[in-house]
Amino acid sequence: MSGFTRRYPGIKLALTFGNSHEVLAGLIERKSDVAVLADLAPAERFHAVPFRRDRLMLFVERNHPWAARKSVKLAELEGQRLVLREPGSITRARFEEAIAKLGVKLGQTLEIGSREAVREAVAAGLGLGVVFASEFGHDGRLHPIAIRDIKIESTEFAVCLKERLAVRVVRAFFELLSEKPGPRTASRAEDGR
């Protein structure tokens, strides 16, 4: 978005957030022209361009017993209390797929409807958080921890309805995106081995 506003300073932008289902609904209902979605299933009505691979990681508050660790195995989450996004979130879906595959049974789970609220709950000591590396940000209250034995990844796509590519501003956004190199991988907490 910053590159777009530099190139087209006169165009007014509005940015909204939501889980994947909400963002996709906004696109279909034409409340949004362009959306950023993870792991979009192929569909005839969408134009989608992959632009980033992202890796799931954990994070804890600075006083947590794991705050000195760089990485953990997923099985170490057995019995741990977690703070997770709501159903409909790709973050939660990818995480639950991975723990189900390994048979990991979590402790109590606190479900929260936004990544910002998850961050605040983890900072308050309510459990471990799960987030994609690109979403972790910089918060001195929190410590990132890589998952070292399994890569839980997702691809993010810029998406619009195919017929909306005829709209000049939408087309300009995708043209600018096509000038960037292919999908890159976001990774804050490396595997720490």
N, C-alpha and C. Protein backbone atom coordinates (compact mmCIF):
# COMPACT_ATOMS: atom_id res chain seq x y z
N MET A 1 0.82 -1.20 0.00
CA MET A 1 0.00 0.00 0.00
C MET A 1 0.86 1.26 0.00
N SER A 2 1.98 1.22 0.71
CA SER A 2 2.81 2.42 0.74
C SER A 2 3.35 2.75 -0.65
N GLY A 3 3.76 1.74 -1.42
CA GLY A 3 4.23 1.96 -2.78
C GLY A 3 3.13 2.52 -3.66
N PHE A 4 1.91 2.04 -3.45
CA PHE A 4 0.77 2.51 -4.24
C PHE A 4 0.47 3.98 -3.92
N THR A 5 0.48 4.34 -2.65
CA THR A 5 0.18 5.74 -2.31
C THR A 5 1.29 6.69 -2.76
N ARG A 6 2.54 6.22 -2.80
CA ARG A 6 3.62 7.07 -3.33
C ARG A 6 3.43 7.31 -4.82
N ARG A 7 3.06 6.25 -5.54
CA ARG A 7 2.89 6.39 -6.99
C ARG A 7 1.61 7.15 -7.34
N TYR A 8 0.55 6.95 -6.56
CA TYR A 8 -0.75 7.57 -6.84
C TYR A 8 -1.22 8.34 -5.60
N PRO A 9 -0.58 9.47 -5.28
CA PRO A 9 -0.88 10.18 -4.03
C PRO A 9 -2.30 10.75 -3.95
N GLY A 10 -2.97 10.92 -5.07
CA GLY A 10 -4.31 11.51 -5.05
C GLY A 10 -5.42 10.51 -4.81
N ILE A 11 -5.11 9.22 -4.77
CA ILE A 11 -6.15 8.21 -4.60
C ILE A 11 -6.37 7.95 -3.11
N LYS A 12 -7.62 8.02 -2.71
CA LYS A 12 -7.99 7.80 -1.31
C LYS A 12 -8.14 6.29 -1.07
N LEU A 13 -7.46 5.79 -0.05
CA LEU A 13 -7.54 4.37 0.31
C LEU A 13 -8.20 4.21 1.66
N ALA A 14 -8.88 3.09 1.82
CA ALA A 14 -9.45 2.70 3.12
C ALA A 14 -9.03 1.26 3.37
N LEU A 15 -8.63 0.97 4.58
CA LEU A 15 -8.14 -0.35 4.93
C LEU A 15 -9.02 -0.91 6.04
N THR A 16 -9.53 -2.12 5.84
CA THR A 16 -10.31 -2.79 6.87
C THR A 16 -9.68 -4.15 7.16
N PHE A 17 -9.96 -4.68 8.34
CA PHE A 17 -9.40 -5.95 8.77
C PHE A 17 -10.51 -6.92 9.11
N GLY A 18 -10.21 -8.19 9.03
CA GLY A 18 -11.15 -9.22 9.44
C GLY A 18 -10.52 -10.57 9.22
N ASN A 19 -11.21 -11.62 9.66
CA ASN A 19 -10.68 -12.95 9.38
C ASN A 19 -10.93 -13.26 7.91
N SER A 20 -10.43 -14.39 7.44
CA SER A 20 -10.48 -14.71 6.01
C SER A 20 -11.91 -14.73 5.47
N HIS A 21 -12.84 -15.28 6.24
CA HIS A 21 -14.23 -15.33 5.78
C HIS A 21 -14.82 -13.94 5.63
N GLU A 22 -14.54 -13.05 6.58
CA GLU A 22 -15.06 -11.69 6.52
C GLU A 22 -14.45 -10.91 5.35
N VAL A 23 -13.16 -11.06 5.14
CA VAL A 23 -12.48 -10.34 4.06
C VAL A 23 -13.01 -10.82 2.70
N LEU A 24 -13.17 -12.12 2.54
CA LEU A 24 -13.69 -12.66 1.28
C LEU A 24 -15.12 -12.19 1.04
N ALA A 25 -15.95 -12.17 2.08
CA ALA A 25 -17.33 -11.68 1.95
C ALA A 25 -17.34 -10.22 1.50
N GLY A 26 -16.46 -9.40 2.07
CA GLY A 26 -16.38 -7.99 1.67
C GLY A 26 -16.02 -7.83 0.20
N LEU A 27 -15.18 -8.71 -0.30
CA LEU A 27 -14.79 -8.68 -1.70
C LEU A 27 -15.98 -9.07 -2.59
N ILE A 28 -16.64 -10.15 -2.25
CA ILE A 28 -17.79 -10.64 -3.03
C ILE A 28 -18.93 -9.63 -3.02
N GLU A 29 -19.15 -8.99 -1.88
CA GLU A 29 -20.23 -8.00 -1.76
C GLU A 29 -19.83 -6.63 -2.31
N ARG A 30 -18.63 -6.54 -2.86
CA ARG A 30 -18.09 -5.31 -3.45
C ARG A 30 -17.94 -4.18 -2.44
N LYS A 31 -17.71 -4.54 -1.19
CA LYS A 31 -17.38 -3.55 -0.17
C LYS A 31 -15.89 -3.23 -0.24
N SER A 32 -15.13 -4.13 -0.85
CA SER A 32 -13.69 -3.96 -1.04
C SER A 32 -13.35 -4.22 -2.49
N ASP A 33 -12.36 -3.51 -3.01
CA ASP A 33 -11.90 -3.74 -4.38
C ASP A 33 -10.82 -4.80 -4.43
N VAL A 34 -9.93 -4.79 -3.44
CA VAL A 34 -8.81 -5.72 -3.39
C VAL A 34 -8.74 -6.27 -1.97
N ALA A 35 -8.40 -7.54 -1.86
CA ALA A 35 -8.25 -8.17 -0.54
C ALA A 35 -6.93 -8.91 -0.49
N VAL A 36 -6.42 -9.09 0.71
CA VAL A 36 -5.26 -9.93 0.93
C VAL A 36 -5.75 -11.12 1.74
N LEU A 37 -5.60 -12.31 1.14
CA LEU A 37 -6.11 -13.54 1.74
C LEU A 37 -5.05 -14.62 1.71
N ALA A 38 -5.07 -15.45 2.72
CA ALA A 38 -4.13 -16.57 2.77
C ALA A 38 -4.79 -17.82 2.22
N ASP A 39 -3.99 -18.60 1.50
CA ASP A 39 -4.40 -19.92 1.00
C ASP A 39 -5.76 -19.92 0.32
N LEU A 40 -5.96 -19.02 -0.59
CA LEU A 40 -7.21 -18.91 -1.33
C LEU A 40 -7.37 -20.11 -2.26
N ALA A 41 -8.51 -20.77 -2.18
CA ALA A 41 -8.78 -21.88 -3.10
C ALA A 41 -9.06 -21.30 -4.48
N PRO A 42 -8.58 -21.97 -5.54
CA PRO A 42 -8.82 -21.45 -6.89
C PRO A 42 -10.31 -21.29 -7.15
N ALA A 43 -10.69 -20.19 -7.78
CA ALA A 43 -12.09 -19.93 -8.10
C ALA A 43 -12.15 -19.11 -9.37
N GLU A 44 -13.09 -19.45 -10.22
CA GLU A 44 -13.25 -18.78 -11.52
C GLU A 44 -13.47 -17.28 -11.40
N ARG A 45 -14.14 -16.85 -10.36
CA ARG A 45 -14.52 -15.44 -10.31
C ARG A 45 -13.45 -14.52 -9.76
N PHE A 46 -12.31 -15.07 -9.31
CA PHE A 46 -11.26 -14.25 -8.71
C PHE A 46 -10.01 -14.16 -9.57
N HIS A 47 -9.37 -13.01 -9.50
CA HIS A 47 -8.02 -12.82 -10.01
C HIS A 47 -7.14 -12.79 -8.75
N ALA A 48 -6.19 -13.71 -8.65
CA ALA A 48 -5.36 -13.81 -7.45
C ALA A 48 -3.89 -13.88 -7.83
N VAL A 49 -3.08 -13.10 -7.12
CA VAL A 49 -1.64 -13.06 -7.35
C VAL A 49 -0.93 -13.38 -6.03
N PRO A 50 -0.14 -14.47 -5.99
CA PRO A 50 0.60 -14.76 -4.76
C PRO A 50 1.72 -13.75 -4.57
N PHE A 51 1.90 -13.29 -3.33
CA PHE A 51 2.99 -12.36 -3.11
C PHE A 51 3.83 -12.65 -1.87
N ARG A 52 3.40 -13.56 -1.00
CA ARG A 52 4.25 -13.85 0.16
C ARG A 52 3.91 -15.21 0.75
N ARG A 53 4.98 -15.94 1.15
CA ARG A 53 4.82 -17.16 1.95
C ARG A 53 5.10 -16.75 3.38
N ASP A 54 4.32 -17.30 4.28
CA ASP A 54 4.46 -16.92 5.68
C ASP A 54 4.50 -18.18 6.53
N ARG A 55 5.24 -18.11 7.62
CA ARG A 55 5.44 -19.27 8.50
C ARG A 55 4.83 -18.99 9.87
N LEU A 56 4.12 -19.99 10.40
CA LEU A 56 3.51 -19.87 11.71
C LEU A 56 4.56 -19.98 12.81
N MET A 57 4.39 -19.21 13.85
CA MET A 57 5.31 -19.22 14.98
C MET A 57 4.50 -19.03 16.27
N LEU A 58 5.16 -19.23 17.38
CA LEU A 58 4.56 -19.01 18.69
C LEU A 58 5.15 -17.74 19.28
N PHE A 59 4.48 -17.21 20.31
CA PHE A 59 5.08 -16.13 21.07
C PHE A 59 4.55 -16.17 22.50
N VAL A 60 5.40 -15.70 23.41
CA VAL A 60 5.07 -15.70 24.83
C VAL A 60 5.40 -14.33 25.41
N GLU A 61 4.87 -14.07 26.60
CA GLU A 61 5.24 -12.81 27.27
C GLU A 61 6.62 -12.98 27.90
N ARG A 62 7.31 -11.89 28.12
CA ARG A 62 8.72 -11.88 28.53
C ARG A 62 9.02 -12.60 29.85
N ASN A 63 8.02 -12.82 30.69
CA ASN A 63 8.25 -13.52 31.96
C ASN A 63 7.86 -14.99 31.90
N HIS A 64 7.45 -15.45 30.76
CA HIS A 64 7.06 -16.85 30.59
C HIS A 64 8.31 -17.74 30.70
N PRO A 65 8.17 -18.97 31.23
CA PRO A 65 9.32 -19.87 31.33
C PRO A 65 10.01 -20.16 29.98
N TRP A 66 9.30 -20.00 28.87
CA TRP A 66 9.89 -20.25 27.56
C TRP A 66 10.51 -19.00 26.93
N ALA A 67 10.51 -17.89 27.64
CA ALA A 67 10.96 -16.62 27.05
C ALA A 67 12.43 -16.61 26.65
N ALA A 68 13.23 -17.54 27.12
CA ALA A 68 14.64 -17.61 26.73
C ALA A 68 14.86 -18.58 25.57
N ARG A 69 13.81 -19.26 25.15
CA ARG A 69 13.95 -20.27 24.10
C ARG A 69 13.81 -19.66 22.72
N LYS A 70 14.57 -20.21 21.76
CA LYS A 70 14.46 -19.78 20.37
C LYS A 70 13.45 -20.63 19.61
N SER A 71 13.31 -21.90 20.03
CA SER A 71 12.40 -22.79 19.31
C SER A 71 11.88 -23.88 20.23
N VAL A 72 10.78 -24.50 19.81
CA VAL A 72 10.20 -25.65 20.50
C VAL A 72 9.71 -26.65 19.46
N LYS A 73 9.55 -27.88 19.88
CA LYS A 73 8.87 -28.86 19.05
C LYS A 73 7.38 -28.71 19.31
N LEU A 74 6.58 -28.98 18.29
CA LEU A 74 5.14 -28.82 18.42
C LEU A 74 4.58 -29.69 19.55
N ALA A 75 5.14 -30.87 19.77
CA ALA A 75 4.66 -31.77 20.82
C ALA A 75 4.82 -31.16 22.21
N GLU A 76 5.72 -30.20 22.36
CA GLU A 76 5.92 -29.55 23.66
C GLU A 76 4.72 -28.69 24.08
N LEU A 77 3.80 -28.46 23.14
CA LEU A 77 2.60 -27.69 23.47
C LEU A 77 1.56 -28.53 24.20
N GLU A 78 1.81 -29.82 24.32
CA GLU A 78 0.89 -30.72 25.03
C GLU A 78 0.58 -30.13 26.41
N GLY A 79 -0.71 -29.91 26.67
CA GLY A 79 -1.16 -29.41 27.97
C GLY A 79 -0.98 -27.92 28.20
N GLN A 80 -0.34 -27.21 27.27
CA GLN A 80 -0.10 -25.77 27.44
C GLN A 80 -1.39 -24.97 27.19
N ARG A 81 -1.50 -23.86 27.89
CA ARG A 81 -2.63 -22.94 27.70
C ARG A 81 -2.31 -22.02 26.53
N LEU A 82 -3.24 -21.93 25.56
CA LEU A 82 -3.01 -21.10 24.38
C LEU A 82 -4.08 -20.04 24.21
N VAL A 83 -3.70 -18.97 23.53
CA VAL A 83 -4.61 -17.91 23.13
C VAL A 83 -4.68 -18.00 21.61
N LEU A 84 -5.88 -18.27 21.08
CA LEU A 84 -6.04 -18.48 19.64
C LEU A 84 -7.06 -17.54 19.04
N ARG A 85 -6.89 -17.28 17.75
CA ARG A 85 -7.89 -16.54 16.99
C ARG A 85 -9.18 -17.34 16.90
N GLU A 86 -10.22 -16.71 16.44
CA GLU A 86 -11.53 -17.33 16.31
C GLU A 86 -11.57 -18.32 15.14
N PRO A 87 -12.56 -19.24 15.12
CA PRO A 87 -12.73 -20.09 13.93
C PRO A 87 -12.96 -19.18 12.71
N GLY A 88 -12.45 -19.59 11.57
CA GLY A 88 -12.52 -18.75 10.36
C GLY A 88 -11.19 -18.08 10.08
N SER A 89 -10.31 -18.09 11.05
CA SER A 89 -8.98 -17.52 10.89
C SER A 89 -8.05 -18.58 10.28
N ILE A 90 -7.31 -18.21 9.25
CA ILE A 90 -6.34 -19.13 8.64
C ILE A 90 -5.27 -19.50 9.65
N THR A 91 -4.87 -18.55 10.49
CA THR A 91 -3.88 -18.83 11.54
C THR A 91 -4.34 -20.01 12.38
N ARG A 92 -5.55 -19.94 12.86
CA ARG A 92 -6.08 -21.01 13.71
C ARG A 92 -6.24 -22.30 12.92
N ALA A 93 -6.76 -22.23 11.70
CA ALA A 93 -6.97 -23.43 10.90
C ALA A 93 -5.66 -24.17 10.65
N ARG A 94 -4.61 -23.46 10.25
CA ARG A 94 -3.31 -24.10 9.99
C ARG A 94 -2.73 -24.71 11.26
N PHE A 95 -2.86 -23.99 12.37
CA PHE A 95 -2.34 -24.48 13.64
C PHE A 95 -3.08 -25.74 14.08
N GLU A 96 -4.41 -25.72 14.01
CA GLU A 96 -5.19 -26.88 14.44
C GLU A 96 -4.95 -28.09 13.55
N GLU A 97 -4.73 -27.88 12.25
CA GLU A 97 -4.39 -28.99 11.35
C GLU A 97 -3.09 -29.65 11.80
N ALA A 98 -2.10 -28.84 12.16
CA ALA A 98 -0.80 -29.37 12.55
C ALA A 98 -0.86 -30.13 13.86
N ILE A 99 -1.54 -29.59 14.86
CA ILE A 99 -1.58 -30.29 16.15
C ILE A 99 -2.44 -31.55 16.06
N ALA A 100 -3.49 -31.52 15.23
CA ALA A 100 -4.31 -32.72 15.05
C ALA A 100 -3.50 -33.83 14.38
N LYS A 101 -2.70 -33.45 13.39
CA LYS A 101 -1.86 -34.42 12.67
C LYS A 101 -0.89 -35.12 13.61
N LEU A 102 -0.35 -34.38 14.59
CA LEU A 102 0.60 -34.95 15.54
C LEU A 102 -0.07 -35.49 16.81
N GLY A 103 -1.38 -35.28 16.95
CA GLY A 103 -2.10 -35.76 18.13
C GLY A 103 -1.80 -34.98 19.40
N VAL A 104 -1.42 -33.71 19.26
CA VAL A 104 -1.10 -32.87 20.42
C VAL A 104 -2.41 -32.39 21.06
N LYS A 105 -2.52 -32.59 22.36
CA LYS A 105 -3.69 -32.14 23.12
C LYS A 105 -3.30 -30.90 23.92
N LEU A 106 -3.91 -29.79 23.59
CA LEU A 106 -3.62 -28.54 24.27
C LEU A 106 -4.30 -28.49 25.62
N GLY A 107 -3.85 -27.57 26.47
CA GLY A 107 -4.54 -27.28 27.72
C GLY A 107 -5.71 -26.36 27.40
N GLN A 108 -6.05 -25.49 28.32
CA GLN A 108 -7.14 -24.54 28.10
C GLN A 108 -6.83 -23.64 26.91
N THR A 109 -7.87 -23.28 26.19
CA THR A 109 -7.73 -22.38 25.05
C THR A 109 -8.63 -21.17 25.26
N LEU A 110 -8.03 -19.99 25.15
CA LEU A 110 -8.79 -18.75 25.18
C LEU A 110 -8.95 -18.29 23.74
N GLU A 111 -10.18 -18.14 23.30
CA GLU A 111 -10.47 -17.74 21.92
C GLU A 111 -10.76 -16.25 21.87
N ILE A 112 -10.05 -15.55 20.96
CA ILE A 112 -10.17 -14.10 20.85
C ILE A 112 -10.30 -13.73 19.37
N GLY A 113 -11.11 -12.71 19.07
CA GLY A 113 -11.48 -12.37 17.71
C GLY A 113 -10.58 -11.46 16.91
N SER A 114 -9.39 -11.13 17.39
CA SER A 114 -8.48 -10.33 16.57
C SER A 114 -7.04 -10.62 16.98
N ARG A 115 -6.11 -10.41 16.05
CA ARG A 115 -4.70 -10.67 16.39
C ARG A 115 -4.20 -9.67 17.42
N GLU A 116 -4.72 -8.44 17.40
CA GLU A 116 -4.31 -7.44 18.38
C GLU A 116 -4.74 -7.86 19.79
N ALA A 117 -5.94 -8.41 19.91
CA ALA A 117 -6.43 -8.86 21.22
C ALA A 117 -5.66 -10.10 21.67
N VAL A 118 -5.27 -10.97 20.74
CA VAL A 118 -4.44 -12.13 21.09
C VAL A 118 -3.11 -11.62 21.66
N ARG A 119 -2.52 -10.64 21.02
CA ARG A 119 -1.24 -10.06 21.48
C ARG A 119 -1.39 -9.53 22.91
N GLU A 120 -2.46 -8.80 23.18
CA GLU A 120 -2.66 -8.23 24.51
C GLU A 120 -2.89 -9.33 25.56
N ALA A 121 -3.63 -10.36 25.20
CA ALA A 121 -3.88 -11.47 26.14
C ALA A 121 -2.58 -12.21 26.47
N VAL A 122 -1.74 -12.43 25.46
CA VAL A 122 -0.45 -13.10 25.70
C VAL A 122 0.43 -12.20 26.56
N ALA A 123 0.47 -10.91 26.26
CA ALA A 123 1.28 -9.98 27.05
C ALA A 123 0.81 -9.94 28.51
N ALA A 124 -0.47 -10.21 28.73
CA ALA A 124 -1.01 -10.23 30.10
C ALA A 124 -0.77 -11.56 30.79
N GLY A 125 -0.14 -12.52 30.09
CA GLY A 125 0.19 -13.80 30.69
C GLY A 125 -0.91 -14.84 30.64
N LEU A 126 -1.85 -14.69 29.72
CA LEU A 126 -2.98 -15.62 29.65
C LEU A 126 -2.70 -16.88 28.83
N GLY A 127 -1.52 -17.00 28.25
CA GLY A 127 -1.16 -18.19 27.50
C GLY A 127 -0.19 -17.89 26.37
N LEU A 128 0.14 -18.92 25.61
CA LEU A 128 1.01 -18.78 24.44
C LEU A 128 0.16 -18.33 23.26
N GLY A 129 0.74 -17.51 22.40
CA GLY A 129 0.05 -17.07 21.20
C GLY A 129 0.60 -17.74 19.96
N VAL A 130 -0.21 -17.74 18.91
CA VAL A 130 0.16 -18.31 17.62
C VAL A 130 -0.11 -17.22 16.58
N VAL A 131 0.89 -16.99 15.70
CA VAL A 131 0.75 -15.93 14.71
C VAL A 131 1.65 -16.25 13.53
N PHE A 132 1.33 -15.71 12.37
CA PHE A 132 2.26 -15.80 11.25
C PHE A 132 3.37 -14.77 11.45
N ALA A 133 4.57 -15.11 11.03
CA ALA A 133 5.76 -14.29 11.29
C ALA A 133 5.58 -12.84 10.83
N SER A 134 4.95 -12.63 9.69
CA SER A 134 4.79 -11.27 9.18
C SER A 134 3.87 -10.42 10.05
N GLU A 135 3.07 -11.07 10.90
CA GLU A 135 2.12 -10.35 11.74
C GLU A 135 2.65 -10.10 13.16
N PHE A 136 3.82 -10.62 13.47
CA PHE A 136 4.31 -10.53 14.84
C PHE A 136 4.60 -9.10 15.27
N GLY A 137 5.23 -8.32 14.41
CA GLY A 137 5.52 -6.94 14.74
C GLY A 137 6.65 -6.79 15.74
N HIS A 138 6.69 -5.65 16.41
CA HIS A 138 7.74 -5.33 17.39
C HIS A 138 7.05 -4.91 18.68
N ASP A 139 7.17 -5.75 19.68
CA ASP A 139 6.56 -5.47 20.97
C ASP A 139 7.49 -6.02 22.04
N GLY A 140 8.12 -5.15 22.79
CA GLY A 140 9.09 -5.55 23.79
C GLY A 140 8.54 -6.44 24.89
N ARG A 141 7.22 -6.52 25.00
CA ARG A 141 6.61 -7.37 26.02
C ARG A 141 6.57 -8.83 25.60
N LEU A 142 6.84 -9.10 24.32
CA LEU A 142 6.65 -10.43 23.75
C LEU A 142 7.95 -11.01 23.21
N HIS A 143 8.03 -12.34 23.22
CA HIS A 143 9.20 -13.05 22.72
C HIS A 143 8.77 -14.08 21.67
N PRO A 144 9.36 -14.04 20.46
CA PRO A 144 9.00 -15.01 19.41
C PRO A 144 9.69 -16.36 19.62
N ILE A 145 8.98 -17.43 19.26
CA ILE A 145 9.53 -18.79 19.37
C ILE A 145 9.18 -19.54 18.09
N ALA A 146 10.19 -20.08 17.43
CA ALA A 146 9.96 -20.86 16.21
C ALA A 146 9.48 -22.26 16.57
N ILE A 147 8.74 -22.85 15.64
CA ILE A 147 8.37 -24.27 15.75
C ILE A 147 9.38 -25.00 14.88
N ARG A 148 10.24 -25.82 15.50
CA ARG A 148 11.39 -26.34 14.77
C ARG A 148 11.17 -27.66 14.06
N ASP A 149 10.16 -28.44 14.43
CA ASP A 149 10.05 -29.77 13.84
C ASP A 149 9.06 -29.87 12.70
N ILE A 150 8.29 -28.82 12.46
CA ILE A 150 7.32 -28.85 11.37
C ILE A 150 7.13 -27.42 10.86
N LYS A 151 7.10 -27.28 9.55
CA LYS A 151 6.84 -25.97 8.95
C LYS A 151 5.35 -25.86 8.71
N ILE A 152 4.76 -24.87 9.33
CA ILE A 152 3.34 -24.58 9.11
C ILE A 152 3.32 -23.28 8.33
N GLU A 153 3.03 -23.38 7.04
CA GLU A 153 3.14 -22.22 6.17
C GLU A 153 1.82 -21.92 5.47
N SER A 154 1.79 -20.73 4.92
CA SER A 154 0.62 -20.26 4.18
C SER A 154 1.11 -19.31 3.09
N THR A 155 0.38 -19.24 1.99
CA THR A 155 0.68 -18.27 0.94
C THR A 155 -0.38 -17.20 0.96
N GLU A 156 0.05 -15.94 0.95
CA GLU A 156 -0.87 -14.82 0.90
C GLU A 156 -1.03 -14.37 -0.55
N PHE A 157 -2.27 -14.02 -0.90
CA PHE A 157 -2.62 -13.59 -2.25
C PHE A 157 -3.27 -12.21 -2.21
N ALA A 158 -2.98 -11.40 -3.20
CA ALA A 158 -3.76 -10.20 -3.45
C ALA A 158 -4.86 -10.66 -4.39
N VAL A 159 -6.10 -10.31 -4.10
CA VAL A 159 -7.26 -10.87 -4.81
C VAL A 159 -8.25 -9.78 -5.16
N CYS A 160 -8.87 -9.93 -6.32
CA CYS A 160 -10.02 -9.09 -6.68
C CYS A 160 -10.99 -9.94 -7.49
N LEU A 161 -12.20 -9.46 -7.64
CA LEU A 161 -13.13 -10.11 -8.56
C LEU A 161 -12.60 -9.86 -9.97
N LYS A 162 -12.63 -10.86 -10.83
CA LYS A 162 -12.06 -10.72 -12.17
C LYS A 162 -12.63 -9.52 -12.92
N GLU A 163 -13.93 -9.29 -12.81
CA GLU A 163 -14.53 -8.18 -13.54
C GLU A 163 -14.06 -6.82 -13.02
N ARG A 164 -13.53 -6.77 -11.78
CA ARG A 164 -13.06 -5.52 -11.20
C ARG A 164 -11.69 -5.11 -11.75
N LEU A 165 -11.01 -6.03 -12.47
CA LEU A 165 -9.73 -5.67 -13.10
C LEU A 165 -9.92 -4.59 -14.16
N ALA A 166 -11.15 -4.41 -14.63
CA ALA A 166 -11.43 -3.36 -15.61
C ALA A 166 -11.41 -1.97 -14.95
N VAL A 167 -11.52 -1.91 -13.64
CA VAL A 167 -11.49 -0.63 -12.93
C VAL A 167 -10.03 -0.18 -12.86
N ARG A 168 -9.78 1.02 -13.31
CA ARG A 168 -8.42 1.52 -13.45
C ARG A 168 -7.57 1.42 -12.18
N VAL A 169 -8.13 1.81 -11.05
CA VAL A 169 -7.37 1.82 -9.81
C VAL A 169 -7.03 0.38 -9.37
N VAL A 170 -7.94 -0.54 -9.59
CA VAL A 170 -7.69 -1.95 -9.24
C VAL A 170 -6.58 -2.51 -10.14
N ARG A 171 -6.69 -2.23 -11.42
CA ARG A 171 -5.67 -2.69 -12.37
C ARG A 171 -4.30 -2.10 -12.01
N ALA A 172 -4.28 -0.82 -11.63
CA ALA A 172 -3.02 -0.16 -11.25
C ALA A 172 -2.39 -0.84 -10.03
N PHE A 173 -3.21 -1.25 -9.07
CA PHE A 173 -2.70 -1.94 -7.89
C PHE A 173 -2.00 -3.24 -8.29
N PHE A 174 -2.63 -4.03 -9.15
CA PHE A 174 -2.05 -5.31 -9.56
C PHE A 174 -0.83 -5.11 -10.47
N GLU A 175 -0.83 -4.05 -11.25
CA GLU A 175 0.35 -3.75 -12.07
C GLU A 175 1.55 -3.42 -11.17
N LEU A 176 1.31 -2.65 -10.13
CA LEU A 176 2.39 -2.32 -9.19
C LEU A 176 2.87 -3.59 -8.49
N LEU A 177 1.95 -4.44 -8.11
CA LEU A 177 2.32 -5.70 -7.44
C LEU A 177 3.14 -6.59 -8.36
N SER A 178 2.84 -6.59 -9.65
CA SER A 178 3.58 -7.43 -10.60
C SER A 178 5.01 -6.95 -10.82
N GLU A 179 5.31 -5.70 -10.45
CA GLU A 179 6.68 -5.17 -10.56
C GLU A 179 7.59 -5.71 -9.47
N LYS A 180 7.00 -6.24 -8.40
CA LYS A 180 7.78 -6.78 -7.29
C LYS A 180 8.23 -8.19 -7.63
N PRO A 181 9.37 -8.64 -7.07
CA PRO A 181 9.80 -10.02 -7.30
C PRO A 181 8.76 -11.00 -6.76
N GLY A 182 8.83 -12.27 -7.15
CA GLY A 182 7.88 -13.30 -6.76
C GLY A 182 7.69 -13.42 -5.26
N PRO A 183 6.83 -14.36 -4.84
CA PRO A 183 6.53 -14.51 -3.42
C PRO A 183 7.79 -14.68 -2.59
N ARG A 184 7.86 -13.93 -1.51
CA ARG A 184 8.98 -14.05 -0.59
C ARG A 184 8.48 -14.68 0.70
N THR A 185 9.40 -15.20 1.47
CA THR A 185 9.01 -15.85 2.73
C THR A 185 9.27 -14.92 3.89
N ALA A 186 8.24 -14.74 4.71
CA ALA A 186 8.37 -13.96 5.93
C ALA A 186 8.72 -14.90 7.05
N SER A 187 9.78 -14.59 7.79
CA SER A 187 10.16 -15.44 8.89
C SER A 187 10.90 -14.64 9.92
N ARG A 188 10.31 -14.51 11.08
CA ARG A 188 10.91 -13.75 12.18
C ARG A 188 11.67 -14.70 13.08
N ALA A 189 10.99 -15.68 13.60
CA ALA A 189 11.64 -16.66 14.48
C ALA A 189 12.13 -17.81 13.60
N GLU A 190 13.40 -17.91 13.44
CA GLU A 190 13.95 -19.00 12.64
C GLU A 190 13.90 -20.30 13.42
N ASP A 191 14.30 -21.39 12.81
CA ASP A 191 14.11 -22.68 13.47
C ASP A 191 14.99 -22.89 14.69
N GLY A 192 16.00 -22.07 14.92
CA GLY A 192 16.74 -22.04 16.17
C GLY A 192 17.51 -23.30 16.54
N ARG A 193 17.78 -24.16 15.60
CA ARG A 193 18.51 -25.38 15.93
C ARG A 193 19.95 -25.10 16.22
